[in-house]
Amino acid sequence: MSTTTTPRTRHTPRRDSSPGSRATVTTLLALSAVYFLFPLWWLLVSATKPFGRQFSGNGLWFDGFGLFGNIARLGEQDGGIFWRWMLNSLLYCGAGALLGTLFSALAGYALAKFDFPGRGALFGLVLAAVLVPKVLFTLPLYLMFSGVHLIDNPLAVLLPSVVSPFGVYLARVFAAQTIPDEVLEAGRIDGAGELRIFRSLGVRMMLPALVTIFLFQFVEIWNNYLLPAMVLGDDRLQPVTVGLVGWNASHVAVPPPLVVIGSLVSVLPLLVAFLALQRFWRAGMTAGAVK
């Protein structure tokens, strides 16, 4: 009796990528990093130079250190209105991002976990709103606020900022993937109401997405320029973006170095927000991919 043996096939480990492709990807990433970080580097170097030397010498390297004196001079310009602008921006962004995140969470949770007539059409409308640039709404919003006498009123900036179609979309997708229906049913069996279930269970499970929505809203409101410039004519109510553009337009009344120094200071809250919330941001963006 003879036996036949089947030769074993030797599997060689597959190489995911060649050294050339890795080098190409690394080079492209490095060039992208340089492209995006170059303006921030120039801003940092220029703002730390002694006052009056921002546009002289080597623009890409430090030449003395006068940052603290520059910031003091920045606070003295026009009676310290720059810090009023910074406070206005923080108030607009903080309140708008908090309310926008709350409304996005409620709408996204309802679209994901409740079955009601027109849910698909409503979600399609949200997706369509995501694709429409917000700048197109600026003139209609100005005309509407002018009709209800909200010009030169902080509500003209705050009310549009609490609506975020992208936040609703992100909350809906995250809620559908991370909140099991069995957990909600268990809460209903225990006698909890829908609002309590959302507050006690849904919010905790959606926390990474909610922090992500808050961060996106905060940055979007902070960088918004056109709408505040149109609806806020009072200098004391303007955010820092509008104020700095006004300073830049008046080269005689305001020295140009102050605009550079103010631009660096205005970037710091965004950097702090990213550094403080980046771990939640990463979790919120990748959780749906690993479900």
Protein backbone atom coordinates (compact mmCIF):
# COMPACT_ATOMS: atom_id res chain seq x y z
CA MET A 1 0.00 0.00 0.00
CA SER A 2 1.46 3.25 -1.11
CA THR A 3 0.78 6.65 0.30
CA THR A 4 1.10 9.89 -1.49
CA THR A 5 2.17 13.01 0.22
CA THR A 6 1.05 16.37 -0.92
CA PRO A 7 3.91 18.84 -0.97
CA ARG A 8 3.35 21.80 1.25
CA THR A 9 3.09 25.12 -0.38
CA ARG A 10 5.46 27.57 1.10
CA HIS A 11 3.83 30.93 1.62
CA THR A 12 6.04 33.94 1.46
CA PRO A 13 4.99 37.00 3.40
CA ARG A 14 3.43 39.62 1.21
CA ARG A 15 5.04 42.98 1.19
CA ASP A 16 2.45 45.66 1.58
CA SER A 17 4.41 48.38 -0.13
CA SER A 18 7.72 48.91 -1.81
CA PRO A 19 10.40 51.26 -0.43
CA GLY A 20 9.81 53.55 -3.40
CA SER A 21 6.11 53.96 -2.68
CA ARG A 22 6.76 54.57 1.03
CA ALA A 23 9.33 57.20 0.15
CA THR A 24 6.88 58.87 -2.24
CA VAL A 25 4.12 58.96 0.37
CA THR A 26 6.52 60.27 3.02
CA THR A 27 7.77 62.99 0.66
CA LEU A 28 4.23 64.09 -0.20
CA LEU A 29 3.27 64.21 3.47
CA ALA A 30 6.39 66.22 4.30
CA LEU A 31 5.68 68.71 1.51
CA SER A 32 2.07 69.04 2.66
CA ALA A 33 3.21 69.67 6.24
CA VAL A 34 5.66 72.34 5.09
CA TYR A 35 2.98 73.96 2.92
CA PHE A 36 0.45 74.20 5.75
CA LEU A 37 2.90 75.05 8.55
CA PHE A 38 4.93 77.64 6.62
CA PRO A 39 2.47 80.55 7.25
CA LEU A 40 2.27 79.66 10.95
CA TRP A 41 6.06 79.57 11.20
CA TRP A 42 6.39 82.97 9.50
CA LEU A 43 3.72 84.37 11.81
CA LEU A 44 5.53 83.06 14.89
CA VAL A 45 8.91 84.41 13.77
CA SER A 46 7.54 87.82 12.80
CA ALA A 47 5.45 88.31 15.94
CA THR A 48 8.37 87.54 18.27
CA LYS A 49 10.68 90.14 16.69
CA PRO A 50 11.03 93.53 18.40
CA PHE A 51 8.34 95.97 17.33
CA GLY A 52 9.02 97.60 13.97
CA ARG A 53 11.30 94.84 12.67
CA GLN A 54 8.55 92.44 11.59
CA PHE A 55 9.15 93.05 7.87
CA SER A 56 12.90 93.52 7.89
CA GLY A 57 15.84 91.14 7.89
CA ASN A 58 15.41 87.41 7.50
CA GLY A 59 11.70 86.76 7.49
CA LEU A 60 12.08 83.06 8.24
CA TRP A 61 14.27 83.22 11.32
CA PHE A 62 14.27 84.94 14.68
CA ASP A 63 15.93 88.30 15.12
CA GLY A 64 15.73 89.28 18.78
CA PHE A 65 12.81 88.65 21.11
CA GLY A 66 10.11 91.19 21.83
CA LEU A 67 6.94 89.12 22.04
CA PHE A 68 5.83 90.29 25.48
CA GLY A 69 6.40 93.92 24.64
CA ASN A 70 4.51 93.45 21.37
CA ILE A 71 1.55 91.91 23.18
CA ALA A 72 1.52 94.80 25.67
CA ARG A 73 1.53 97.27 22.80
CA LEU A 74 -1.24 95.29 21.13
CA GLY A 75 -3.40 95.65 24.24
CA GLU A 76 -2.85 99.40 24.36
CA GLN A 77 -3.99 100.07 20.79
CA ASP A 78 -7.42 101.78 20.57
CA GLY A 79 -8.07 101.43 24.26
CA GLY A 80 -7.51 97.68 24.38
CA ILE A 81 -10.23 96.83 21.89
CA PHE A 82 -8.29 93.78 20.69
CA TRP A 83 -9.02 91.92 23.92
CA ARG A 84 -12.68 92.86 23.55
CA TRP A 85 -12.62 91.27 20.10
CA MET A 86 -11.02 88.13 21.51
CA LEU A 87 -13.68 87.94 24.23
CA ASN A 88 -16.42 88.39 21.63
CA SER A 89 -14.98 85.56 19.53
CA LEU A 90 -14.76 83.26 22.54
CA LEU A 91 -18.37 84.02 23.48
CA TYR A 92 -19.69 83.55 19.95
CA CYS A 93 -17.71 80.36 19.41
CA GLY A 94 -18.31 78.86 22.84
CA ALA A 95 -22.06 79.46 22.91
CA GLY A 96 -22.55 78.64 19.23
CA ALA A 97 -20.50 75.44 19.39
CA LEU A 98 -22.23 74.23 22.57
CA LEU A 99 -25.74 74.87 21.25
CA GLY A 100 -24.85 73.55 17.81
CA THR A 101 -23.46 70.34 19.31
CA LEU A 102 -26.58 69.89 21.48
CA PHE A 103 -28.99 70.36 18.56
CA SER A 104 -26.87 68.13 16.30
CA ALA A 105 -26.84 65.38 18.93
CA LEU A 106 -30.61 65.53 19.40
CA ALA A 107 -31.34 65.55 15.67
CA GLY A 108 -28.78 62.87 14.83
CA TYR A 109 -29.97 60.59 17.63
CA ALA A 110 -33.59 60.97 16.56
CA LEU A 111 -32.77 60.22 12.90
CA ALA A 112 -30.77 57.15 13.86
CA LYS A 113 -32.96 55.58 16.54
CA PHE A 114 -36.56 56.58 15.84
CA ASP A 115 -38.66 55.42 12.92
CA PHE A 116 -41.08 58.10 11.75
CA PRO A 117 -42.59 59.10 8.40
CA GLY A 118 -40.26 61.14 6.24
CA ARG A 119 -37.10 60.16 8.07
CA GLY A 120 -35.27 59.25 4.86
CA ALA A 121 -36.32 62.45 3.12
CA LEU A 122 -35.28 64.53 6.12
CA PHE A 123 -31.86 62.90 6.22
CA GLY A 124 -31.51 63.49 2.48
CA LEU A 125 -32.27 67.17 3.09
CA VAL A 126 -29.52 67.25 5.72
CA LEU A 127 -27.06 65.74 3.25
CA ALA A 128 -28.05 68.32 0.64
CA ALA A 129 -27.48 71.11 3.17
CA VAL A 130 -23.98 69.78 3.84
CA LEU A 131 -23.10 70.29 0.17
CA VAL A 132 -24.30 73.91 0.04
CA PRO A 133 -21.58 76.47 0.94
CA LYS A 134 -22.63 78.55 3.92
CA VAL A 135 -21.41 81.71 2.24
CA LEU A 136 -24.45 81.54 -0.04
CA PHE A 137 -26.70 82.14 2.97
CA THR A 138 -24.93 85.32 4.05
CA LEU A 139 -26.97 87.82 2.02
CA PRO A 140 -30.36 86.18 2.77
CA LEU A 141 -29.46 86.10 6.47
CA TYR A 142 -28.50 89.77 6.38
CA LEU A 143 -31.80 90.71 4.73
CA MET A 144 -33.75 88.59 7.19
CA PHE A 145 -31.99 90.01 10.26
CA SER A 146 -32.39 93.51 8.86
CA GLY A 147 -36.13 92.90 8.57
CA VAL A 148 -36.42 91.84 12.22
CA HIS A 149 -34.06 94.59 13.47
CA LEU A 150 -31.22 92.32 14.60
CA ILE A 151 -28.43 94.22 12.88
CA ASP A 152 -25.69 95.17 15.38
CA ASN A 153 -27.00 92.46 17.68
CA PRO A 154 -24.90 89.46 18.79
CA LEU A 155 -27.88 87.20 18.03
CA ALA A 156 -27.30 87.84 14.31
CA VAL A 157 -24.01 85.95 14.63
CA LEU A 158 -25.10 83.43 17.25
CA LEU A 159 -28.35 82.15 15.71
CA PRO A 160 -26.90 80.91 12.37
CA SER A 161 -23.98 79.26 14.15
CA VAL A 162 -26.17 76.84 16.13
CA VAL A 163 -27.27 75.06 12.93
CA SER A 164 -24.77 72.50 11.62
CA PRO A 165 -25.92 70.06 8.90
CA PHE A 166 -22.55 68.32 9.03
CA GLY A 167 -22.91 67.95 12.80
CA VAL A 168 -26.34 66.35 12.36
CA TYR A 169 -24.93 64.00 9.73
CA LEU A 170 -21.98 62.98 11.91
CA ALA A 171 -24.17 62.50 14.99
CA ARG A 172 -26.64 60.38 13.03
CA VAL A 173 -23.94 58.10 11.59
CA PHE A 174 -22.18 57.73 14.93
CA ALA A 175 -25.38 57.06 16.86
CA ALA A 176 -26.46 54.38 14.35
CA GLN A 177 -23.13 52.56 14.68
CA THR A 178 -22.30 52.89 18.36
CA ILE A 179 -25.62 52.81 20.26
CA PRO A 180 -27.13 49.29 20.30
CA ASP A 181 -30.90 49.10 20.14
CA GLU A 182 -30.80 46.48 22.92
CA VAL A 183 -29.37 49.05 25.34
CA LEU A 184 -32.20 51.47 24.57
CA GLU A 185 -34.81 48.73 24.97
CA ALA A 186 -33.31 47.80 28.35
CA GLY A 187 -33.64 51.40 29.44
CA ARG A 188 -37.28 51.51 28.34
CA ILE A 189 -38.01 48.28 30.19
CA ASP A 190 -36.54 49.80 33.34
CA GLY A 191 -39.04 52.63 33.01
CA ALA A 192 -36.73 55.39 31.80
CA GLY A 193 -38.14 58.04 29.49
CA GLU A 194 -36.69 58.81 26.10
CA LEU A 195 -35.04 62.03 27.25
CA ARG A 196 -33.43 60.29 30.20
CA ILE A 197 -32.22 57.46 27.96
CA PHE A 198 -30.66 59.98 25.62
CA ARG A 199 -29.05 61.92 28.45
CA SER A 200 -27.79 58.92 30.43
CA LEU A 201 -26.92 56.44 27.67
CA GLY A 202 -26.90 58.10 24.29
CA VAL A 203 -24.76 61.10 25.20
CA ARG A 204 -22.12 58.95 26.88
CA MET A 205 -21.83 56.61 23.91
CA MET A 206 -21.77 59.51 21.45
CA LEU A 207 -19.22 61.53 23.43
CA PRO A 208 -16.32 61.18 20.92
CA ALA A 209 -18.56 62.36 18.07
CA LEU A 210 -19.96 65.22 20.16
CA VAL A 211 -16.48 66.49 20.98
CA THR A 212 -15.62 66.28 17.29
CA ILE A 213 -18.72 68.27 16.35
CA PHE A 214 -17.93 70.86 19.02
CA LEU A 215 -14.40 71.27 17.71
CA PHE A 216 -15.50 71.64 14.09
CA GLN A 217 -18.17 74.15 15.09
CA PHE A 218 -15.75 76.13 17.22
CA VAL A 219 -13.21 76.43 14.41
CA GLU A 220 -15.87 77.24 11.80
CA ILE A 221 -17.40 80.03 13.88
CA TRP A 222 -13.98 81.41 14.82
CA ASN A 223 -12.91 81.62 11.15
CA ASN A 224 -16.21 83.08 9.98
CA TYR A 225 -15.73 86.58 8.61
CA LEU A 226 -18.34 87.57 6.03
CA LEU A 227 -21.50 87.29 8.13
CA PRO A 228 -20.15 89.16 11.21
CA ALA A 229 -18.68 91.83 8.94
CA MET A 230 -22.11 92.43 7.38
CA VAL A 231 -24.35 92.30 10.46
CA LEU A 232 -22.06 93.90 13.08
CA GLY A 233 -21.15 97.52 12.42
CA ASP A 234 -20.29 98.33 16.04
CA ASP A 235 -16.57 97.79 16.69
CA ARG A 236 -17.28 96.68 20.26
CA LEU A 237 -19.36 93.73 19.05
CA GLN A 238 -17.10 92.44 16.29
CA PRO A 239 -15.09 89.21 16.56
CA VAL A 240 -11.34 89.23 16.22
CA THR A 241 -11.37 88.19 12.55
CA VAL A 242 -13.38 91.24 11.52
CA GLY A 243 -11.41 93.53 13.80
CA LEU A 244 -8.03 92.49 12.42
CA VAL A 245 -9.20 92.98 8.84
CA GLY A 246 -10.34 96.48 9.79
CA TRP A 247 -6.95 97.20 11.32
CA ASN A 248 -5.20 95.90 8.23
CA ALA A 249 -7.26 98.24 6.05
CA SER A 250 -6.19 101.31 8.08
CA HIS A 251 -2.42 101.31 7.65
CA VAL A 252 -2.08 104.89 8.88
CA ALA A 253 -4.12 104.61 12.08
CA VAL A 254 -2.83 101.16 13.07
CA PRO A 255 0.79 100.07 12.53
CA PRO A 256 0.96 96.94 10.34
CA PRO A 257 3.09 95.00 12.88
CA LEU A 258 0.13 95.02 15.26
CA VAL A 259 -1.91 93.07 12.72
CA VAL A 260 0.80 90.39 12.60
CA ILE A 261 1.01 90.18 16.38
CA GLY A 262 -2.77 90.09 16.73
CA SER A 263 -2.99 87.33 14.14
CA LEU A 264 -0.62 85.15 16.16
CA VAL A 265 -2.56 85.74 19.38
CA SER A 266 -5.85 84.98 17.62
CA VAL A 267 -4.54 81.59 16.50
CA LEU A 268 -3.69 80.44 20.02
CA PRO A 269 -7.26 79.51 21.13
CA LEU A 270 -7.60 77.23 18.10
CA LEU A 271 -4.29 75.52 18.88
CA VAL A 272 -5.31 75.05 22.51
CA ALA A 273 -8.66 73.57 21.44
CA PHE A 274 -7.02 71.12 19.05
CA LEU A 275 -4.39 70.02 21.56
CA ALA A 276 -6.93 69.61 24.35
CA LEU A 277 -9.51 67.70 22.28
CA GLN A 278 -7.36 65.82 19.76
CA ARG A 279 -7.70 62.43 21.48
CA PHE A 280 -11.50 62.72 21.38
CA TRP A 281 -11.28 63.97 17.79
CA ARG A 282 -9.27 60.96 16.66
CA ALA A 283 -11.60 58.59 18.46
CA GLY A 284 -14.68 60.22 16.96
CA MET A 285 -13.33 60.04 13.41
CA THR A 286 -12.16 56.42 13.56
CA ALA A 287 -14.71 54.70 15.79
CA GLY A 288 -17.11 54.10 12.95
CA ALA A 289 -14.39 52.49 10.85
CA VAL A 290 -13.56 49.79 13.40
CA LYS A 291 -17.09 48.77 14.36
